Amino acid sequence: MKKLAALLACSLLSSCASIPLTDGGQRVRYTTSTPQNCKYLGQVKGNCSDSTKGGPMYMTSGDRYAAGLNSIKNNTALMGGDTVEVLSGGCDPVGEAYACGNHEVKK
């Protein structure tokens, strides 16, 4: 019975994973400095509470950071961007979206 309870607890905790990257989000690189020779697309925001698996209350600080970063990369891709300059991080990151013609992926 204790093993079953432990297994159930582990599966519930693992369901609180961060927001997954979309196909577009996987192609977005991030930087902390303004990229050169790129088209500015606008401000972009992320949010770790976009998660449908329990929200930020049930996530570790590392999971919240990863979810926020994945969210801002996904949102940059939705704007047509491939680069995001992250201005502030954490659960609710803010950045600037750019189209730079990048093909490399930085995780």
N, C-alpha and C. Protein backbone atom coordinates (compact mmCIF):
# COMPACT_ATOMS: atom_id res chain seq x y z
N MET A 1 0.82 -1.19 0.00
CA MET A 1 0.00 0.00 0.00
C MET A 1 0.87 1.26 0.00
N LYS A 2 1.98 1.24 0.79
CA LYS A 2 2.87 2.40 0.83
C LYS A 2 3.53 2.62 -0.53
N LYS A 3 3.87 1.52 -1.21
CA LYS A 3 4.50 1.64 -2.53
C LYS A 3 3.51 2.25 -3.52
N LEU A 4 2.26 1.85 -3.44
CA LEU A 4 1.24 2.40 -4.33
C LEU A 4 1.06 3.89 -4.07
N ALA A 5 1.04 4.28 -2.81
CA ALA A 5 0.90 5.70 -2.46
C ALA A 5 2.09 6.50 -2.96
N ALA A 6 3.30 5.95 -2.82
CA ALA A 6 4.50 6.63 -3.29
C ALA A 6 4.49 6.76 -4.81
N LEU A 7 4.08 5.71 -5.50
CA LEU A 7 4.00 5.75 -6.96
C LEU A 7 2.98 6.78 -7.42
N LEU A 8 1.85 6.83 -6.76
CA LEU A 8 0.82 7.81 -7.11
C LEU A 8 1.32 9.23 -6.88
N ALA A 9 2.00 9.46 -5.77
CA ALA A 9 2.54 10.79 -5.47
C ALA A 9 3.56 11.20 -6.53
N CYS A 10 4.43 10.29 -6.94
CA CYS A 10 5.43 10.60 -7.97
C CYS A 10 4.77 10.93 -9.29
N SER A 11 3.75 10.19 -9.66
CA SER A 11 3.10 10.47 -10.95
C SER A 11 2.36 11.80 -10.91
N LEU A 12 1.79 12.15 -9.77
CA LEU A 12 1.10 13.44 -9.65
C LEU A 12 2.09 14.59 -9.73
N LEU A 13 3.24 14.45 -9.08
CA LEU A 13 4.25 15.50 -9.11
C LEU A 13 4.85 15.65 -10.50
N SER A 14 5.06 14.56 -11.20
CA SER A 14 5.65 14.66 -12.53
C SER A 14 4.69 15.27 -13.53
N SER A 15 3.40 15.27 -13.22
CA SER A 15 2.44 15.89 -14.14
C SER A 15 2.51 17.41 -14.09
N CYS A 16 3.29 17.96 -13.18
CA CYS A 16 3.43 19.41 -13.05
C CYS A 16 4.61 19.92 -13.87
N ALA A 17 4.90 19.30 -14.97
CA ALA A 17 6.02 19.70 -15.81
C ALA A 17 5.77 21.07 -16.41
N SER A 18 6.84 21.68 -16.87
CA SER A 18 6.72 23.02 -17.44
C SER A 18 6.02 23.00 -18.79
N ILE A 19 5.73 24.17 -19.29
CA ILE A 19 5.07 24.33 -20.58
C ILE A 19 5.98 23.80 -21.68
N PRO A 20 5.49 22.93 -22.54
CA PRO A 20 6.34 22.40 -23.61
C PRO A 20 6.56 23.45 -24.71
N LEU A 21 7.70 23.34 -25.37
CA LEU A 21 7.96 24.20 -26.52
C LEU A 21 7.15 23.72 -27.71
N THR A 22 6.59 24.66 -28.45
CA THR A 22 5.92 24.33 -29.71
C THR A 22 7.02 24.12 -30.76
N ASP A 23 6.62 23.67 -31.94
CA ASP A 23 7.60 23.53 -33.02
C ASP A 23 8.27 24.88 -33.31
N GLY A 24 7.46 25.93 -33.36
CA GLY A 24 8.01 27.27 -33.59
C GLY A 24 8.90 27.73 -32.45
N GLY A 25 8.48 27.46 -31.22
CA GLY A 25 9.26 27.85 -30.05
C GLY A 25 10.62 27.18 -30.00
N GLN A 26 10.71 25.97 -30.54
CA GLN A 26 11.99 25.26 -30.56
C GLN A 26 13.00 25.95 -31.48
N ARG A 27 12.52 26.73 -32.43
CA ARG A 27 13.42 27.42 -33.36
C ARG A 27 13.80 28.82 -32.88
N VAL A 28 13.27 29.25 -31.76
CA VAL A 28 13.57 30.58 -31.23
C VAL A 28 14.78 30.49 -30.31
N ARG A 29 15.76 31.37 -30.55
CA ARG A 29 16.90 31.44 -29.65
C ARG A 29 16.68 32.63 -28.72
N TYR A 30 17.31 32.60 -27.57
CA TYR A 30 17.17 33.71 -26.65
C TYR A 30 18.53 34.33 -26.38
N THR A 31 18.49 35.60 -26.05
CA THR A 31 19.69 36.35 -25.77
C THR A 31 19.38 37.37 -24.68
N THR A 32 20.41 37.89 -24.05
CA THR A 32 20.22 38.94 -23.05
C THR A 32 20.74 40.27 -23.56
N SER A 33 21.14 40.32 -24.82
CA SER A 33 21.57 41.58 -25.42
C SER A 33 20.81 41.80 -26.72
N THR A 34 20.70 43.04 -27.13
CA THR A 34 19.94 43.37 -28.34
C THR A 34 20.62 42.78 -29.56
N PRO A 35 19.91 41.96 -30.34
CA PRO A 35 20.52 41.37 -31.53
C PRO A 35 20.71 42.43 -32.63
N GLN A 36 21.72 42.24 -33.43
CA GLN A 36 22.04 43.17 -34.51
C GLN A 36 21.47 42.67 -35.84
N ASN A 37 21.16 43.60 -36.74
CA ASN A 37 20.69 43.28 -38.09
C ASN A 37 19.43 42.42 -38.09
N CYS A 38 18.51 42.75 -37.20
CA CYS A 38 17.26 41.99 -37.07
C CYS A 38 16.08 42.96 -37.16
N LYS A 39 14.94 42.43 -37.52
CA LYS A 39 13.71 43.23 -37.57
C LYS A 39 13.01 43.13 -36.22
N TYR A 40 12.77 44.28 -35.60
CA TYR A 40 12.07 44.33 -34.32
C TYR A 40 10.58 44.07 -34.55
N LEU A 41 10.02 43.13 -33.79
CA LEU A 41 8.61 42.76 -33.95
C LEU A 41 7.72 43.29 -32.82
N GLY A 42 8.30 43.58 -31.67
CA GLY A 42 7.50 44.09 -30.56
C GLY A 42 7.81 43.38 -29.25
N GLN A 43 7.16 43.89 -28.21
CA GLN A 43 7.33 43.30 -26.89
C GLN A 43 6.58 41.98 -26.81
N VAL A 44 7.16 41.05 -26.09
CA VAL A 44 6.55 39.74 -25.92
C VAL A 44 6.62 39.37 -24.44
N LYS A 45 5.59 38.69 -23.98
CA LYS A 45 5.54 38.27 -22.57
C LYS A 45 5.33 36.78 -22.50
N GLY A 46 5.79 36.20 -21.42
CA GLY A 46 5.56 34.79 -21.14
C GLY A 46 4.88 34.66 -19.79
N ASN A 47 4.42 33.46 -19.49
CA ASN A 47 3.73 33.24 -18.23
C ASN A 47 3.77 31.77 -17.90
N CYS A 48 4.30 31.44 -16.74
CA CYS A 48 4.38 30.02 -16.37
C CYS A 48 3.03 29.45 -16.00
N SER A 49 2.03 30.29 -15.76
CA SER A 49 0.72 29.76 -15.40
C SER A 49 -0.09 29.36 -16.62
N ASP A 50 0.53 29.42 -17.82
CA ASP A 50 -0.13 28.88 -19.01
C ASP A 50 -0.27 27.36 -18.89
N SER A 51 0.43 26.79 -17.93
CA SER A 51 0.42 25.34 -17.77
C SER A 51 -0.96 24.85 -17.37
N THR A 52 -1.39 23.77 -17.98
CA THR A 52 -2.68 23.17 -17.63
C THR A 52 -2.48 22.04 -16.62
N LYS A 53 -1.28 21.93 -16.09
CA LYS A 53 -0.97 20.80 -15.21
C LYS A 53 -0.72 21.24 -13.78
N GLY A 54 -1.56 22.07 -13.25
CA GLY A 54 -1.44 22.44 -11.86
C GLY A 54 -1.04 23.87 -11.63
N GLY A 55 -0.46 24.53 -12.60
CA GLY A 55 -0.07 25.91 -12.45
C GLY A 55 1.17 26.09 -11.60
N PRO A 56 1.61 27.34 -11.43
CA PRO A 56 2.87 27.62 -10.77
C PRO A 56 2.92 27.23 -9.30
N MET A 57 1.78 27.15 -8.64
CA MET A 57 1.79 26.82 -7.22
C MET A 57 2.38 25.43 -6.97
N TYR A 58 2.24 24.53 -7.94
CA TYR A 58 2.71 23.17 -7.77
C TYR A 58 4.02 22.89 -8.49
N MET A 59 4.73 23.96 -8.89
CA MET A 59 5.97 23.80 -9.64
C MET A 59 7.15 24.27 -8.80
N THR A 60 8.31 23.66 -9.02
CA THR A 60 9.52 24.14 -8.37
C THR A 60 9.92 25.45 -9.03
N SER A 61 10.83 26.19 -8.40
CA SER A 61 11.25 27.46 -8.99
C SER A 61 11.93 27.22 -10.34
N GLY A 62 12.66 26.12 -10.48
CA GLY A 62 13.28 25.78 -11.76
C GLY A 62 12.24 25.49 -12.83
N ASP A 63 11.18 24.79 -12.46
CA ASP A 63 10.10 24.50 -13.40
C ASP A 63 9.37 25.78 -13.81
N ARG A 64 9.17 26.70 -12.85
CA ARG A 64 8.52 27.98 -13.17
C ARG A 64 9.37 28.78 -14.15
N TYR A 65 10.69 28.81 -13.92
CA TYR A 65 11.59 29.54 -14.82
C TYR A 65 11.55 28.92 -16.21
N ALA A 66 11.64 27.59 -16.29
CA ALA A 66 11.62 26.90 -17.59
C ALA A 66 10.29 27.12 -18.30
N ALA A 67 9.19 27.08 -17.56
CA ALA A 67 7.87 27.29 -18.16
C ALA A 67 7.75 28.71 -18.70
N GLY A 68 8.24 29.69 -17.94
CA GLY A 68 8.20 31.08 -18.40
C GLY A 68 9.03 31.28 -19.66
N LEU A 69 10.23 30.69 -19.69
CA LEU A 69 11.10 30.81 -20.86
C LEU A 69 10.48 30.12 -22.07
N ASN A 70 9.93 28.93 -21.87
CA ASN A 70 9.27 28.23 -22.98
C ASN A 70 8.09 29.05 -23.50
N SER A 71 7.34 29.65 -22.59
CA SER A 71 6.18 30.45 -22.98
C SER A 71 6.59 31.66 -23.81
N ILE A 72 7.65 32.36 -23.39
CA ILE A 72 8.07 33.55 -24.13
C ILE A 72 8.64 33.15 -25.50
N LYS A 73 9.29 32.00 -25.58
CA LYS A 73 9.79 31.52 -26.88
C LYS A 73 8.63 31.13 -27.79
N ASN A 74 7.63 30.45 -27.24
CA ASN A 74 6.44 30.10 -28.03
C ASN A 74 5.73 31.36 -28.55
N ASN A 75 5.60 32.36 -27.68
CA ASN A 75 4.91 33.59 -28.07
C ASN A 75 5.72 34.38 -29.11
N THR A 76 7.04 34.34 -29.01
CA THR A 76 7.89 34.97 -30.03
C THR A 76 7.66 34.32 -31.38
N ALA A 77 7.59 33.00 -31.40
CA ALA A 77 7.34 32.28 -32.66
C ALA A 77 5.98 32.66 -33.23
N LEU A 78 4.97 32.82 -32.38
CA LEU A 78 3.64 33.22 -32.85
C LEU A 78 3.65 34.59 -33.52
N MET A 79 4.59 35.44 -33.11
CA MET A 79 4.72 36.78 -33.70
C MET A 79 5.54 36.74 -34.99
N GLY A 80 6.07 35.58 -35.34
CA GLY A 80 6.90 35.46 -36.53
C GLY A 80 8.38 35.64 -36.25
N GLY A 81 8.75 35.65 -34.97
CA GLY A 81 10.14 35.87 -34.60
C GLY A 81 10.93 34.59 -34.44
N ASP A 82 12.25 34.75 -34.45
CA ASP A 82 13.14 33.61 -34.22
C ASP A 82 14.17 33.90 -33.14
N THR A 83 14.09 35.11 -32.56
CA THR A 83 15.01 35.52 -31.50
C THR A 83 14.24 36.34 -30.48
N VAL A 84 14.52 36.10 -29.21
CA VAL A 84 13.91 36.92 -28.16
C VAL A 84 15.01 37.43 -27.24
N GLU A 85 15.01 38.73 -27.04
CA GLU A 85 15.90 39.34 -26.05
C GLU A 85 15.14 39.35 -24.74
N VAL A 86 15.58 38.55 -23.79
CA VAL A 86 14.88 38.44 -22.50
C VAL A 86 15.32 39.60 -21.62
N LEU A 87 14.36 40.45 -21.24
CA LEU A 87 14.64 41.61 -20.41
C LEU A 87 14.47 41.30 -18.93
N SER A 88 13.50 40.46 -18.61
CA SER A 88 13.31 40.01 -17.23
C SER A 88 12.83 38.57 -17.28
N GLY A 89 13.31 37.76 -16.35
CA GLY A 89 12.99 36.33 -16.38
C GLY A 89 12.02 35.95 -15.29
N GLY A 90 12.08 34.69 -14.92
CA GLY A 90 11.19 34.18 -13.90
C GLY A 90 9.92 33.61 -14.47
N CYS A 91 8.88 33.61 -13.66
CA CYS A 91 7.61 33.02 -14.05
C CYS A 91 6.88 33.85 -15.10
N ASP A 92 7.08 35.16 -15.08
CA ASP A 92 6.40 36.07 -16.02
C ASP A 92 7.43 36.90 -16.79
N PRO A 93 8.21 36.27 -17.66
CA PRO A 93 9.27 37.01 -18.35
C PRO A 93 8.73 38.01 -19.37
N VAL A 94 9.54 39.02 -19.62
CA VAL A 94 9.23 40.05 -20.61
C VAL A 94 10.44 40.15 -21.53
N GLY A 95 10.18 40.33 -22.81
CA GLY A 95 11.28 40.45 -23.75
C GLY A 95 10.88 41.20 -25.00
N GLU A 96 11.81 41.26 -25.93
CA GLU A 96 11.61 41.90 -27.22
C GLU A 96 11.77 40.83 -28.29
N ALA A 97 10.79 40.72 -29.18
CA ALA A 97 10.83 39.71 -30.24
C ALA A 97 11.46 40.29 -31.49
N TYR A 98 12.28 39.48 -32.16
CA TYR A 98 12.97 39.88 -33.38
C TYR A 98 12.90 38.77 -34.42
N ALA A 99 12.97 39.17 -35.68
CA ALA A 99 13.15 38.23 -36.78
C ALA A 99 14.56 38.47 -37.31
N CYS A 100 15.42 37.46 -37.13
CA CYS A 100 16.83 37.60 -37.50
C CYS A 100 17.25 36.62 -38.60
N GLY A 101 16.39 35.70 -38.96
CA GLY A 101 16.76 34.70 -39.96
C GLY A 101 17.62 33.59 -39.38
N ASN A 102 17.50 33.34 -38.08
CA ASN A 102 18.31 32.30 -37.41
C ASN A 102 17.79 30.92 -37.73
N HIS A 103 18.69 30.01 -37.79
CA HIS A 103 18.31 28.61 -37.97
C HIS A 103 18.87 27.74 -36.86
N GLU A 104 19.67 28.31 -35.99
CA GLU A 104 20.21 27.53 -34.89
C GLU A 104 19.25 27.58 -33.72
N VAL A 105 19.31 26.57 -32.89
CA VAL A 105 18.44 26.49 -31.72
C VAL A 105 19.31 26.60 -30.49
N LYS A 106 18.95 27.48 -29.57
CA LYS A 106 19.64 27.59 -28.29
C LYS A 106 18.63 27.27 -27.22
N LYS A 107 18.92 26.28 -26.41
CA LYS A 107 17.98 25.87 -25.36
C LYS A 107 18.42 26.39 -24.03
